[in-house]
Protein backbone atom coordinates (compact mmCIF):
# COMPACT_ATOMS: atom_id res chain seq x y z
CA UNK A 1 4.30 -1.82 -11.56
CA UNK A 2 5.53 -1.37 -8.01
CA UNK A 3 3.97 -2.58 -4.77
CA UNK A 4 3.21 -0.19 -1.93
CA UNK A 5 2.69 -1.81 1.49
CA UNK A 6 1.15 0.51 4.07
CA UNK A 7 1.16 -0.64 7.71
CA UNK A 8 -1.55 0.74 9.97
CA UNK A 9 -1.55 0.10 13.72
CA UNK A 10 -4.41 2.46 14.59
CA UNK A 11 -8.20 2.39 14.80
CA UNK A 12 -10.58 4.50 16.88
CA UNK A 13 -7.58 5.57 18.97
CA UNK A 14 -6.25 7.60 16.02
CA UNK A 15 -8.75 7.85 13.16
CA UNK A 16 -6.48 10.28 11.29
CA UNK A 17 -3.65 7.73 11.00
CA UNK A 18 -6.06 4.95 10.05
CA UNK A 19 -7.58 7.19 7.37
CA UNK A 20 -4.19 8.28 6.07
CA UNK A 21 -3.21 4.64 5.54
CA UNK A 22 -6.15 4.07 3.21
CA UNK A 23 -5.79 7.48 1.57
CA UNK A 24 -2.19 6.64 0.64
CA UNK A 25 -3.30 3.18 -0.50
CA UNK A 26 -5.93 4.72 -2.76
CA UNK A 27 -3.40 7.18 -4.22
CA UNK A 28 -1.06 4.25 -4.97
CA UNK A 29 -3.86 2.37 -6.75
CA UNK A 30 -4.85 5.46 -8.73
CA UNK A 31 -1.24 5.82 -9.91
CA UNK A 32 -1.18 2.27 -11.23
CA UNK A 33 0.66 0.61 -8.35
CA UNK A 34 -0.26 -2.55 -6.51
CA UNK A 35 -1.30 -1.55 -2.99
CA UNK A 36 -1.74 -3.39 0.27
CA UNK A 37 -2.77 -2.08 3.67
CA UNK A 38 -1.40 -4.32 6.42
CA UNK A 39 -3.41 -3.91 9.61
CA UNK A 40 -1.61 -4.75 12.83
CA UNK A 41 -2.14 -4.27 16.57
CA UNK A 42 -5.30 -2.14 17.14
CA UNK A 43 -5.49 -1.47 13.40
CA UNK A 44 -6.97 -4.93 12.83
CA UNK A 45 -10.34 -3.62 14.03
CA UNK A 46 -10.54 -1.34 10.96
CA UNK A 47 -11.20 -4.42 8.80
CA UNK A 48 -14.16 -5.61 10.86
CA UNK A 49 -17.76 -5.07 9.74
CA UNK A 50 -19.36 -1.98 11.29
CA UNK A 51 -16.26 -0.79 13.16
CA UNK A 52 -15.68 2.25 10.93
CA UNK A 53 -19.28 3.47 10.98
CA UNK A 54 -19.32 7.12 12.01
CA UNK A 55 -15.51 7.47 12.09
CA UNK A 56 -14.16 10.46 10.19
CA UNK A 57 -10.96 12.40 10.79
CA UNK A 58 -11.01 16.14 10.20
CA UNK A 59 -10.28 16.83 6.53
CA UNK A 60 -10.75 13.21 5.40
CA UNK A 61 -13.58 11.23 3.84
CA UNK A 62 -15.32 8.86 6.26
CA UNK A 63 -13.04 5.94 7.12
CA UNK A 64 -15.66 3.43 5.96
CA UNK A 65 -15.68 5.11 2.51
CA UNK A 66 -11.88 5.07 2.26
CA UNK A 67 -11.73 1.36 3.13
CA UNK A 68 -14.56 0.44 0.76
CA UNK A 69 -13.04 2.43 -2.12
CA UNK A 70 -9.65 0.81 -1.52
CA UNK A 71 -11.10 -2.71 -1.65
CA UNK A 72 -13.35 -1.92 -4.63
CA UNK A 73 -10.36 -0.62 -6.62
CA UNK A 74 -8.35 -3.81 -6.10
CA UNK A 75 -6.39 -2.96 -2.97
CA UNK A 76 -5.40 -5.79 -0.67
CA UNK A 77 -6.37 -5.55 3.00
CA UNK A 78 -4.23 -7.86 5.09
CA UNK A 79 -5.15 -8.45 8.72
CA UNK A 80 -2.33 -9.70 10.94
CA UNK A 81 -3.32 -13.14 12.17
CA UNK A 82 -1.19 -12.89 15.31
CA UNK A 83 -2.99 -9.61 16.14
CA UNK A 84 -6.50 -10.77 15.21
CA UNK A 85 -6.40 -13.98 17.26
CA UNK A 86 -6.10 -12.46 20.77
CA UNK A 87 -8.84 -9.98 19.86
CA UNK A 88 -11.19 -12.78 18.80
CA UNK A 89 -11.42 -11.51 15.22
CA UNK A 90 -12.24 -14.15 12.61
CA UNK A 91 -12.35 -14.07 8.81
CA UNK A 92 -16.18 -14.07 8.94
CA UNK A 93 -16.16 -10.70 10.72
CA UNK A 94 -14.08 -8.92 8.08
CA UNK A 95 -15.19 -6.44 5.43
CA UNK A 96 -15.19 -7.52 1.79
CA UNK A 97 -11.67 -7.63 0.40
CA UNK A 98 -9.94 -8.24 3.75
CA UNK A 99 -8.14 -11.42 4.67
CA UNK A 100 -6.26 -12.70 7.68
CA UNK A 101 -2.61 -13.40 6.82
CA UNK A 102 0.47 -14.64 8.61
CA UNK A 103 3.70 -12.74 9.04
CA UNK A 104 5.26 -14.76 6.21
CA UNK A 105 2.90 -13.08 3.72
CA UNK A 106 4.13 -9.60 4.66
CA UNK A 107 7.76 -10.72 4.73
CA UNK A 108 7.39 -12.24 1.26
CA UNK A 109 5.96 -8.98 -0.11
CA UNK A 110 8.87 -7.00 1.35
CA UNK A 111 11.48 -9.45 0.09
CA UNK A 112 9.90 -9.21 -3.36
CA UNK A 113 10.38 -5.44 -3.43
CA UNK A 114 7.31 -3.88 -1.80
CA UNK A 115 8.01 -0.36 -0.58
CA UNK A 116 6.60 0.22 2.89
CA UNK A 117 5.15 3.10 4.88
CA UNK A 118 3.80 2.98 8.43
CA UNK A 119 1.14 5.02 10.19
């Protein structure tokens, strides 16, 4: 089994890119791969409770549904700690399945062979 690491830097500023990150993550899970969405910069907001409500890019399922499906199917949602801190985002504010991680966690995944995509 391979590991797909998808980096998303976007939130309400580009709902299509945020949605695409979780769509790709869900496709990876459905094909039997391990999948992680790493949320950085403004993308960290996507993992916070209530943020995705009402967000839907043209041609995509609602962002909240894509995130929930990803977590429910065993996807990992990593929230960049260095990005969350200045935005005042804490673990208690995150959706189920999301966790705040340090840069070392992402580096370890890459060193161990994770293939990465960025949106």
